[in-house]
Amino acid sequence: MLNDDISFLVVIGERKLKESFIVSLAEVGATVFNVVYGRGFVKSNDFLAAFGIVHENNKVVVTCLIKKSALDDAFAMLNNRFNFDKPNTGIAFTIHVDSLKY
């Protein structure tokens, strides 16, 4: 795998979906996973809670390496399985990898 064929993918979503993110990303070819836990900063209010809308404060950041040729499949999977194309569900982005040291 040449370095210019690799992207660093970052996925931020609900902590309870961590295992599903990893399994689904592996299915589309992602490797070398790293998981970091975090907290969102948006506060829920009583009005939204009364309607059962509670903001998920616990987040997970999953990073991985993936071939650029698999990125379209990865983003399509995140949209289809995890509704990342809808607001407040998660975010995913890539960082260009210029070089890796072996």
PDB file of N, CA and C in Angstrom:
ATOM      1  N   MET A   1       0.852  -1.171   0.000  1.00  0.00           N
ATOM      2  CA  MET A   1       0.000   0.000   0.000  1.00  0.00           C
ATOM      3  C   MET A   1       0.898   1.234   0.000  1.00  0.00           C
ATOM      4  N   LEU A   2       0.788   2.041  -1.022  1.00  0.00           N
ATOM      5  CA  LEU A   2       1.586   3.249  -1.102  1.00  0.00           C
ATOM      6  C   LEU A   2       0.997   4.317  -0.193  1.00  0.00           C
ATOM      7  N   ASN A   3       1.864   5.163   0.348  1.00  0.00           N
ATOM      8  CA  ASN A   3       1.419   6.193   1.283  1.00  0.00           C
ATOM      9  C   ASN A   3       0.407   7.154   0.682  1.00  0.00           C
ATOM     10  N   ASP A   4       0.538   7.467  -0.603  1.00  0.00           N
ATOM     11  CA  ASP A   4      -0.409   8.410  -1.199  1.00  0.00           C
ATOM     12  C   ASP A   4      -1.769   7.771  -1.476  1.00  0.00           C
ATOM     13  N   ASP A   5      -1.905   6.476  -1.209  1.00  0.00           N
ATOM     14  CA  ASP A   5      -3.182   5.780  -1.362  1.00  0.00           C
ATOM     15  C   ASP A   5      -3.940   5.670  -0.043  1.00  0.00           C
ATOM     16  N   ILE A   6      -3.388   6.226   1.036  1.00  0.00           N
ATOM     17  CA  ILE A   6      -3.945   6.063   2.374  1.00  0.00           C
ATOM     18  C   ILE A   6      -4.528   7.376   2.880  1.00  0.00           C
ATOM     19  N   SER A   7      -5.661   7.274   3.567  1.00  0.00           N
ATOM     20  CA  SER A   7      -6.238   8.416   4.267  1.00  0.00           C
ATOM     21  C   SER A   7      -6.409   8.057   5.731  1.00  0.00           C
ATOM     22  N   PHE A   8      -6.360   9.065   6.563  1.00  0.00           N
ATOM     23  CA  PHE A   8      -6.601   8.930   7.996  1.00  0.00           C
ATOM     24  C   PHE A   8      -8.043   9.368   8.222  1.00  0.00           C
ATOM     25  N   LEU A   9      -8.909   8.434   8.597  1.00  0.00           N
ATOM     26  CA  LEU A   9     -10.337   8.705   8.760  1.00  0.00           C
ATOM     27  C   LEU A   9     -10.656   8.916  10.233  1.00  0.00           C
ATOM     28  N   VAL A  10     -11.408   9.967  10.532  1.00  0.00           N
ATOM     29  CA  VAL A  10     -11.843  10.281  11.893  1.00  0.00           C
ATOM     30  C   VAL A  10     -13.365  10.232  11.915  1.00  0.00           C
ATOM     31  N   VAL A  11     -13.921   9.447  12.839  1.00  0.00           N
ATOM     32  CA  VAL A  11     -15.367   9.322  12.996  1.00  0.00           C
ATOM     33  C   VAL A  11     -15.706   9.690  14.431  1.00  0.00           C
ATOM     34  N   ILE A  12     -16.630  10.644  14.608  1.00  0.00           N
ATOM     35  CA  ILE A  12     -17.072  11.062  15.935  1.00  0.00           C
ATOM     36  C   ILE A  12     -18.565  10.802  16.022  1.00  0.00           C
ATOM     37  N   GLY A  13     -18.970  10.040  17.040  1.00  0.00           N
ATOM     38  CA  GLY A  13     -20.382   9.706  17.187  1.00  0.00           C
ATOM     39  C   GLY A  13     -20.711   9.307  18.611  1.00  0.00           C
ATOM     40  N   GLU A  14     -21.878   8.717  18.778  1.00  0.00           N
ATOM     41  CA  GLU A  14     -22.335   8.288  20.098  1.00  0.00           C
ATOM     42  C   GLU A  14     -21.463   7.147  20.611  1.00  0.00           C
ATOM     43  N   ARG A  15     -21.102   7.232  21.877  1.00  0.00           N
ATOM     44  CA  ARG A  15     -20.210   6.244  22.481  1.00  0.00           C
ATOM     45  C   ARG A  15     -20.784   4.833  22.411  1.00  0.00           C
ATOM     46  N   LYS A  16     -22.098   4.701  22.550  1.00  0.00           N
ATOM     47  CA  LYS A  16     -22.710   3.372  22.555  1.00  0.00           C
ATOM     48  C   LYS A  16     -22.595   2.665  21.199  1.00  0.00           C
ATOM     49  N   LEU A  17     -22.205   3.394  20.153  1.00  0.00           N
ATOM     50  CA  LEU A  17     -22.057   2.814  18.815  1.00  0.00           C
ATOM     51  C   LEU A  17     -20.618   2.427  18.479  1.00  0.00           C
ATOM     52  N   LYS A  18     -19.733   2.504  19.456  1.00  0.00           N
ATOM     53  CA  LYS A  18     -18.298   2.252  19.223  1.00  0.00           C
ATOM     54  C   LYS A  18     -18.050   0.933  18.493  1.00  0.00           C
ATOM     55  N   GLU A  19     -18.557  -0.163  19.019  1.00  0.00           N
ATOM     56  CA  GLU A  19     -18.313  -1.474  18.406  1.00  0.00           C
ATOM     57  C   GLU A  19     -18.888  -1.544  16.998  1.00  0.00           C
ATOM     58  N   SER A  20     -20.070  -0.973  16.814  1.00  0.00           N
ATOM     59  CA  SER A  20     -20.691  -0.971  15.482  1.00  0.00           C
ATOM     60  C   SER A  20     -19.869  -0.168  14.481  1.00  0.00           C
ATOM     61  N   PHE A  21     -19.313   0.962  14.928  1.00  0.00           N
ATOM     62  CA  PHE A  21     -18.447   1.753  14.055  1.00  0.00           C
ATOM     63  C   PHE A  21     -17.241   0.928  13.606  1.00  0.00           C
ATOM     64  N   ILE A  22     -16.593   0.290  14.553  1.00  0.00           N
ATOM     65  CA  ILE A  22     -15.371  -0.463  14.247  1.00  0.00           C
ATOM     66  C   ILE A  22     -15.665  -1.623  13.307  1.00  0.00           C
ATOM     67  N   VAL A  23     -16.694  -2.396  13.600  1.00  0.00           N
ATOM     68  CA  VAL A  23     -17.047  -3.539  12.752  1.00  0.00           C
ATOM     69  C   VAL A  23     -17.419  -3.067  11.346  1.00  0.00           C
ATOM     70  N   SER A  24     -18.233  -2.033  11.258  1.00  0.00           N
ATOM     71  CA  SER A  24     -18.676  -1.531   9.957  1.00  0.00           C
ATOM     72  C   SER A  24     -17.527  -0.940   9.147  1.00  0.00           C
ATOM     73  N   LEU A  25     -16.633  -0.202   9.810  1.00  0.00           N
ATOM     74  CA  LEU A  25     -15.479   0.356   9.106  1.00  0.00           C
ATOM     75  C   LEU A  25     -14.531  -0.743   8.636  1.00  0.00           C
ATOM     76  N   ALA A  26     -14.357  -1.778   9.440  1.00  0.00           N
ATOM     77  CA  ALA A  26     -13.510  -2.903   9.036  1.00  0.00           C
ATOM     78  C   ALA A  26     -14.098  -3.599   7.811  1.00  0.00           C
ATOM     79  N   GLU A  27     -15.414  -3.678   7.730  1.00  0.00           N
ATOM     80  CA  GLU A  27     -16.071  -4.316   6.583  1.00  0.00           C
ATOM     81  C   GLU A  27     -15.773  -3.588   5.273  1.00  0.00           C
ATOM     82  N   VAL A  28     -15.550  -2.270   5.335  1.00  0.00           N
ATOM     83  CA  VAL A  28     -15.254  -1.514   4.107  1.00  0.00           C
ATOM     84  C   VAL A  28     -13.751  -1.338   3.897  1.00  0.00           C
ATOM     85  N   GLY A  29     -12.932  -1.995   4.731  1.00  0.00           N
ATOM     86  CA  GLY A  29     -11.498  -2.014   4.483  1.00  0.00           C
ATOM     87  C   GLY A  29     -10.630  -1.172   5.388  1.00  0.00           C
ATOM     88  N   ALA A  30     -11.188  -0.569   6.420  1.00  0.00           N
ATOM     89  CA  ALA A  30     -10.377   0.244   7.333  1.00  0.00           C
ATOM     90  C   ALA A  30      -9.534  -0.663   8.236  1.00  0.00           C
ATOM     91  N   THR A  31      -8.364  -0.163   8.635  1.00  0.00           N
ATOM     92  CA  THR A  31      -7.460  -0.906   9.520  1.00  0.00           C
ATOM     93  C   THR A  31      -6.841   0.046  10.536  1.00  0.00           C
ATOM     94  N   VAL A  32      -6.076  -0.486  11.467  1.00  0.00           N
ATOM     95  CA  VAL A  32      -5.305   0.260  12.463  1.00  0.00           C
ATOM     96  C   VAL A  32      -6.212   1.253  13.210  1.00  0.00           C
ATOM     97  N   PHE A  33      -7.092   0.718  14.022  1.00  0.00           N
ATOM     98  CA  PHE A  33      -8.068   1.532  14.742  1.00  0.00           C
ATOM     99  C   PHE A  33      -7.504   2.084  16.044  1.00  0.00           C
ATOM    100  N   ASN A  34      -7.999   3.269  16.403  1.00  0.00           N
ATOM    101  CA  ASN A  34      -7.711   3.886  17.692  1.00  0.00           C
ATOM    102  C   ASN A  34      -9.028   4.469  18.198  1.00  0.00           C
ATOM    103  N   VAL A  35      -9.304   4.293  19.488  1.00  0.00           N
ATOM    104  CA  VAL A  35     -10.553   4.768  20.069  1.00  0.00           C
ATOM    105  C   VAL A  35     -10.245   5.700  21.231  1.00  0.00           C
ATOM    106  N   VAL A  36     -10.897   6.863  21.240  1.00  0.00           N
ATOM    107  CA  VAL A  36     -10.751   7.840  22.319  1.00  0.00           C
ATOM    108  C   VAL A  36     -12.158   8.246  22.747  1.00  0.00           C
ATOM    109  N   TYR A  37     -12.375   8.315  24.049  1.00  0.00           N
ATOM    110  CA  TYR A  37     -13.678   8.724  24.568  1.00  0.00           C
ATOM    111  C   TYR A  37     -13.683  10.218  24.860  1.00  0.00           C
ATOM    112  N   GLY A  38     -14.835  10.841  24.670  1.00  0.00           N
ATOM    113  CA  GLY A  38     -14.964  12.267  24.920  1.00  0.00           C
ATOM    114  C   GLY A  38     -16.361  12.616  25.372  1.00  0.00           C
ATOM    115  N   ARG A  39     -16.578  13.889  25.615  1.00  0.00           N
ATOM    116  CA  ARG A  39     -17.888  14.395  26.019  1.00  0.00           C
ATOM    117  C   ARG A  39     -18.277  15.545  25.102  1.00  0.00           C
ATOM    118  N   GLY A  40     -19.544  15.553  24.709  1.00  0.00           N
ATOM    119  CA  GLY A  40     -20.073  16.673  23.936  1.00  0.00           C
ATOM    120  C   GLY A  40     -20.268  17.864  24.847  1.00  0.00           C
ATOM    121  N   PHE A  41     -20.430  19.028  24.267  1.00  0.00           N
ATOM    122  CA  PHE A  41     -20.548  20.231  25.091  1.00  0.00           C
ATOM    123  C   PHE A  41     -21.942  20.853  25.042  1.00  0.00           C
ATOM    124  N   VAL A  42     -22.856  20.296  24.242  1.00  0.00           N
ATOM    125  CA  VAL A  42     -24.215  20.829  24.175  1.00  0.00           C
ATOM    126  C   VAL A  42     -25.007  20.295  25.367  1.00  0.00           C
ATOM    127  N   LYS A  43     -25.708  21.175  26.067  1.00  0.00           N
ATOM    128  CA  LYS A  43     -26.493  20.797  27.237  1.00  0.00           C
ATOM    129  C   LYS A  43     -27.935  20.517  26.822  1.00  0.00           C
ATOM    130  N   SER A  44     -28.515  19.450  27.378  1.00  0.00           N
ATOM    131  CA  SER A  44     -29.934  19.190  27.169  1.00  0.00           C
ATOM    132  C   SER A  44     -30.737  20.137  28.043  1.00  0.00           C
ATOM    133  N   ASN A  45     -31.934  20.467  27.590  1.00  0.00           N
ATOM    134  CA  ASN A  45     -32.777  21.297  28.436  1.00  0.00           C
ATOM    135  C   ASN A  45     -34.048  20.541  28.799  1.00  0.00           C
ATOM    136  N   ASP A  46     -34.771  21.017  29.796  1.00  0.00           N
ATOM    137  CA  ASP A  46     -35.951  20.324  30.301  1.00  0.00           C
ATOM    138  C   ASP A  46     -37.056  20.232  29.252  1.00  0.00           C
ATOM    139  N   PHE A  47     -37.191  21.245  28.406  1.00  0.00           N
ATOM    140  CA  PHE A  47     -38.219  21.237  27.372  1.00  0.00           C
ATOM    141  C   PHE A  47     -38.017  20.055  26.419  1.00  0.00           C
ATOM    142  N   LEU A  48     -36.783  19.874  25.919  1.00  0.00           N
ATOM    143  CA  LEU A  48     -36.496  18.768  25.009  1.00  0.00           C
ATOM    144  C   LEU A  48     -36.623  17.422  25.709  1.00  0.00           C
ATOM    145  N   ALA A  49     -36.188  17.350  26.957  1.00  0.00           N
ATOM    146  CA  ALA A  49     -36.277  16.104  27.717  1.00  0.00           C
ATOM    147  C   ALA A  49     -37.732  15.679  27.906  1.00  0.00           C
ATOM    148  N   ALA A  50     -38.653  16.637  28.048  1.00  0.00           N
ATOM    149  CA  ALA A  50     -40.074  16.319  28.212  1.00  0.00           C
ATOM    150  C   ALA A  50     -40.632  15.595  26.984  1.00  0.00           C
ATOM    151  N   PHE A  51     -40.035  15.829  25.825  1.00  0.00           N
ATOM    152  CA  PHE A  51     -40.467  15.166  24.597  1.00  0.00           C
ATOM    153  C   PHE A  51     -39.599  13.946  24.267  1.00  0.00           C
ATOM    154  N   GLY A  52     -38.752  13.559  25.198  1.00  0.00           N
ATOM    155  CA  GLY A  52     -37.915  12.388  24.982  1.00  0.00           C
ATOM    156  C   GLY A  52     -36.698  12.639  24.124  1.00  0.00           C
ATOM    157  N   ILE A  53     -36.375  13.898  23.880  1.00  0.00           N
ATOM    158  CA  ILE A  53     -35.196  14.245  23.082  1.00  0.00           C
ATOM    159  C   ILE A  53     -34.070  14.597  24.052  1.00  0.00           C
ATOM    160  N   VAL A  54     -33.160  13.664  24.236  1.00  0.00           N
ATOM    161  CA  VAL A  54     -32.065  13.875  25.171  1.00  0.00           C
ATOM    162  C   VAL A  54     -30.761  13.816  24.389  1.00  0.00           C
ATOM    163  N   HIS A  55     -29.974  14.846  24.527  1.00  0.00           N
ATOM    164  CA  HIS A  55     -28.696  14.926  23.823  1.00  0.00           C
ATOM    165  C   HIS A  55     -27.737  13.885  24.393  1.00  0.00           C
ATOM    166  N   GLU A  56     -27.088  13.138  23.511  1.00  0.00           N
ATOM    167  CA  GLU A  56     -26.083  12.151  23.920  1.00  0.00           C
ATOM    168  C   GLU A  56     -24.793  12.894  24.211  1.00  0.00           C
ATOM    169  N   ASN A  57     -24.413  12.952  25.470  1.00  0.00           N
ATOM    170  CA  ASN A  57     -23.242  13.709  25.884  1.00  0.00           C
ATOM    171  C   ASN A  57     -21.950  12.906  25.759  1.00  0.00           C
ATOM    172  N   ASN A  58     -22.046  11.589  25.834  1.00  0.00           N
ATOM    173  CA  ASN A  58     -20.854  10.745  25.768  1.00  0.00           C
ATOM    174  C   ASN A  58     -20.536  10.411  24.320  1.00  0.00           C
ATOM    175  N   LYS A  59     -19.342  10.772  23.893  1.00  0.00           N
ATOM    176  CA  LYS A  59     -18.923  10.606  22.500  1.00  0.00           C
ATOM    177  C   LYS A  59     -17.756   9.644  22.401  1.00  0.00           C
ATOM    178  N   VAL A  60     -17.565   9.123  21.203  1.00  0.00           N
ATOM    179  CA  VAL A  60     -16.399   8.308  20.899  1.00  0.00           C
ATOM    180  C   VAL A  60     -15.772   8.875  19.628  1.00  0.00           C
ATOM    181  N   VAL A  61     -14.452   8.888  19.615  1.00  0.00           N
ATOM    182  CA  VAL A  61     -13.699   9.290  18.432  1.00  0.00           C
ATOM    183  C   VAL A  61     -12.941   8.049  17.966  1.00  0.00           C
ATOM    184  N   VAL A  62     -13.305   7.563  16.789  1.00  0.00           N
ATOM    185  CA  VAL A  62     -12.659   6.388  16.213  1.00  0.00           C
ATOM    186  C   VAL A  62     -11.811   6.870  15.047  1.00  0.00           C
ATOM    187  N   THR A  63     -10.529   6.555  15.084  1.00  0.00           N
ATOM    188  CA  THR A  63      -9.649   6.889  13.971  1.00  0.00           C
ATOM    189  C   THR A  63      -9.140   5.595  13.354  1.00  0.00           C
ATOM    190  N   CYS A  64      -8.850   5.660  12.063  1.00  0.00           N
ATOM    191  CA  CYS A  64      -8.356   4.471  11.378  1.00  0.00           C
ATOM    192  C   CYS A  64      -7.669   4.884  10.079  1.00  0.00           C
ATOM    193  N   LEU A  65      -6.968   3.942   9.501  1.00  0.00           N
ATOM    194  CA  LEU A  65      -6.365   4.136   8.182  1.00  0.00           C
ATOM    195  C   LEU A  65      -7.227   3.405   7.168  1.00  0.00           C
ATOM    196  N   ILE A  66      -7.401   4.027   6.016  1.00  0.00           N
ATOM    197  CA  ILE A  66      -8.242   3.427   4.983  1.00  0.00           C
ATOM    198  C   ILE A  66      -7.718   3.839   3.614  1.00  0.00           C
ATOM    199  N   LYS A  67      -7.837   2.934   2.653  1.00  0.00           N
ATOM    200  CA  LYS A  67      -7.431   3.268   1.286  1.00  0.00           C
ATOM    201  C   LYS A  67      -8.370   4.319   0.727  1.00  0.00           C
ATOM    202  N   LYS A  68      -7.815   5.241  -0.040  1.00  0.00           N
ATOM    203  CA  LYS A  68      -8.643   6.295  -0.638  1.00  0.00           C
ATOM    204  C   LYS A  68      -9.730   5.708  -1.522  1.00  0.00           C
ATOM    205  N   SER A  69      -9.457   4.583  -2.150  1.00  0.00           N
ATOM    206  CA  SER A  69     -10.450   3.954  -3.029  1.00  0.00           C
ATOM    207  C   SER A  69     -11.657   3.429  -2.253  1.00  0.00           C
ATOM    208  N   ALA A  70     -11.534   3.267  -0.933  1.00  0.00           N
ATOM    209  CA  ALA A  70     -12.635   2.763  -0.107  1.00  0.00           C
ATOM    210  C   ALA A  70     -13.395   3.874   0.608  1.00  0.00           C
ATOM    211  N   LEU A  71     -12.974   5.123   0.443  1.00  0.00           N
ATOM    212  CA  LEU A  71     -13.599   6.231   1.168  1.00  0.00           C
ATOM    213  C   LEU A  71     -15.066   6.433   0.796  1.00  0.00           C
ATOM    214  N   ASP A  72     -15.400   6.339  -0.480  1.00  0.00           N
ATOM    215  CA  ASP A  72     -16.797   6.511  -0.880  1.00  0.00           C
ATOM    216  C   ASP A  72     -17.680   5.468  -0.200  1.00  0.00           C
ATOM    217  N   ASP A  73     -17.200   4.229  -0.149  1.00  0.00           N
ATOM    218  CA  ASP A  73     -17.956   3.167   0.523  1.00  0.00           C
ATOM    219  C   ASP A  73     -18.079   3.443   2.018  1.00  0.00           C
ATOM    220  N   ALA A  74     -17.020   3.952   2.631  1.00  0.00           N
ATOM    221  CA  ALA A  74     -17.039   4.239   4.064  1.00  0.00           C
ATOM    222  C   ALA A  74     -18.046   5.336   4.392  1.00  0.00           C
ATOM    223  N   PHE A  75     -18.026   6.419   3.624  1.00  0.00           N
ATOM    224  CA  PHE A  75     -18.962   7.511   3.884  1.00  0.00           C
ATOM    225  C   PHE A  75     -20.402   7.101   3.573  1.00  0.00           C
ATOM    226  N   ALA A  76     -20.608   6.300   2.533  1.00  0.00           N
ATOM    227  CA  ALA A  76     -21.951   5.799   2.222  1.00  0.00           C
ATOM    228  C   ALA A  76     -22.463   4.915   3.357  1.00  0.00           C
ATOM    229  N   MET A  77     -21.584   4.069   3.899  1.00  0.00           N
ATOM    230  CA  MET A  77     -21.969   3.202   5.007  1.00  0.00           C
ATOM    231  C   MET A  77     -22.337   4.040   6.237  1.00  0.00           C
ATOM    232  N   LEU A  78     -21.561   5.072   6.547  1.00  0.00           N
ATOM    233  CA  LEU A  78     -21.864   5.921   7.701  1.00  0.00           C
ATOM    234  C   LEU A  78     -23.204   6.638   7.515  1.00  0.00           C
ATOM    235  N   ASN A  79     -23.492   7.055   6.298  1.00  0.00           N
ATOM    236  CA  ASN A  79     -24.787   7.696   6.026  1.00  0.00           C
ATOM    237  C   ASN A  79     -25.939   6.699   6.127  1.00  0.00           C
ATOM    238  N   ASN A  80     -25.771   5.518   5.552  1.00  0.00           N
ATOM    239  CA  ASN A  80     -26.856   4.533   5.510  1.00  0.00           C
ATOM    240  C   ASN A  80     -27.108   3.847   6.853  1.00  0.00           C
ATOM    241  N   ARG A  81     -26.052   3.410   7.521  1.00  0.00           N
ATOM    242  CA  ARG A  81     -26.218   2.665   8.779  1.00  0.00           C
ATOM    243  C   ARG A  81     -26.383   3.556   9.998  1.00  0.00           C
ATOM    244  N   PHE A  82     -25.710   4.707   9.989  1.00  0.00           N
ATOM    245  CA  PHE A  82     -25.677   5.549  11.186  1.00  0.00           C
ATOM    246  C   PHE A  82     -26.290   6.930  10.968  1.00  0.00           C
ATOM    247  N   ASN A  83     -26.872   7.152   9.800  1.00  0.00           N
ATOM    248  CA  ASN A  83     -27.561   8.410   9.486  1.00  0.00           C
ATOM    249  C   ASN A  83     -26.683   9.647   9.647  1.00  0.00           C
ATOM    250  N   PHE A  84     -25.418   9.549   9.279  1.00  0.00           N
ATOM    251  CA  PHE A  84     -24.509  10.684   9.400  1.00  0.00           C
ATOM    252  C   PHE A  84     -24.900  11.836   8.467  1.00  0.00           C
ATOM    253  N   ASP A  85     -25.787  11.581   7.530  1.00  0.00           N
ATOM    254  CA  ASP A  85     -26.254  12.657   6.664  1.00  0.00           C
ATOM    255  C   ASP A  85     -27.360  13.486   7.324  1.00  0.00           C
ATOM    256  N   LYS A  86     -27.776  13.089   8.521  1.00  0.00           N
ATOM    257  CA  LYS A  86     -28.780  13.827   9.294  1.00  0.00           C
ATOM    258  C   LYS A  86     -28.078  14.616  10.405  1.00  0.00           C
ATOM    259  N   PRO A  87     -28.666  15.739  10.823  1.00  0.00           N
ATOM    260  CA  PRO A  87     -28.061  16.545  11.899  1.00  0.00           C
ATOM    261  C   PRO A  87     -27.979  15.783  13.221  1.00  0.00           C
ATOM    262  N   ASN A  88     -26.954  16.084  14.002  1.00  0.00           N
ATOM    263  CA  ASN A  88     -26.777  15.579  15.369  1.00  0.00           C
ATOM    264  C   ASN A  88     -26.628  14.071  15.477  1.00  0.00           C
ATOM    265  N   THR A  89     -26.085  13.429  14.452  1.00  0.00           N
ATOM    266  CA  THR A  89     -25.884  11.983  14.515  1.00  0.00           C
ATOM    267  C   THR A  89     -24.408  11.620  14.585  1.00  0.00           C
ATOM    268  N   GLY A  90     -23.562  12.401  13.976  1.00  0.00           N
ATOM    269  CA  GLY A  90     -22.133  12.131  13.980  1.00  0.00           C
ATOM    270  C   GLY A  90     -21.466  12.908  12.874  1.00  0.00           C
ATOM    271  N   ILE A  91     -20.165  12.835  12.881  1.00  0.00           N
ATOM    272  CA  ILE A  91     -19.375  13.528  11.864  1.00  0.00           C
ATOM    273  C   ILE A  91     -18.182  12.648  11.511  1.00  0.00           C
ATOM    274  N   ALA A  92     -17.795  12.705  10.260  1.00  0.00           N
ATOM    275  CA  ALA A  92     -16.632  11.952   9.800  1.00  0.00           C
ATOM    276  C   ALA A  92     -15.866  12.815   8.809  1.00  0.00           C
ATOM    277  N   PHE A  93     -14.549  12.716   8.877  1.00  0.00           N
ATOM    278  CA  PHE A  93     -13.715  13.466   7.945  1.00  0.00           C
ATOM    279  C   PHE A  93     -12.383  12.755   7.794  1.00  0.00           C
ATOM    280  N   THR A  94     -11.648  13.124   6.759  1.00  0.00           N
ATOM    281  CA  THR A  94     -10.339  12.520   6.517  1.00  0.00           C
ATOM    282  C   THR A  94      -9.248  13.564   6.625  1.00  0.00           C
ATOM    283  N   ILE A  95      -8.067  13.072   6.918  1.00  0.00           N
ATOM    284  CA  ILE A  95      -6.856  13.895   6.952  1.00  0.00           C
ATOM    285  C   ILE A  95      -5.880  13.257   5.977  1.00  0.00           C
ATOM    286  N   HIS A  96      -5.361  14.059   5.078  1.00  0.00           N
ATOM    287  CA  HIS A  96      -4.425  13.566   4.082  1.00  0.00           C
ATOM    288  C   HIS A  96      -3.151  13.061   4.748  1.00  0.00           C
ATOM    289  N   VAL A  97      -2.703  11.902   4.323  1.00  0.00           N
ATOM    290  CA  VAL A  97      -1.470  11.301   4.845  1.00  0.00           C
ATOM    291  C   VAL A  97      -0.386  11.469   3.791  1.00  0.00           C
ATOM    292  N   ASP A  98       0.562  12.357   4.060  1.00  0.00           N
ATOM    293  CA  ASP A  98       1.660  12.563   3.103  1.00  0.00           C
ATOM    294  C   ASP A  98       2.690  11.445   3.174  1.00  0.00           C
ATOM    295  N   SER A  99       3.014  11.046   4.369  1.00  0.00           N
ATOM    296  CA  SER A  99       4.033  10.001   4.502  1.00  0.00           C
ATOM    297  C   SER A  99       3.858   9.275   5.828  1.00  0.00           C
ATOM    298  N   LEU A 100       4.245   8.054   5.824  1.00  0.00           N
ATOM    299  CA  LEU A 100       4.249   7.247   7.036  1.00  0.00           C
ATOM    300  C   LEU A 100       5.645   6.680   7.217  1.00  0.00           C
ATOM    301  N   LYS A 101       6.105   6.639   8.437  1.00  0.00           N
ATOM    302  CA  LYS A 101       7.402   6.049   8.738  1.00  0.00           C
ATOM    303  C   LYS A 101       7.175   4.616   9.194  1.00  0.00           C
ATOM    304  N   TYR A 102       7.881   3.689   8.599  1.00  0.00           N
ATOM    305  CA  TYR A 102       7.732   2.284   8.951  1.00  0.00           C
ATOM    306  C   TYR A 102       8.760   1.881   9.971  1.00  0.00           C
TER     307      TYR A 102
END
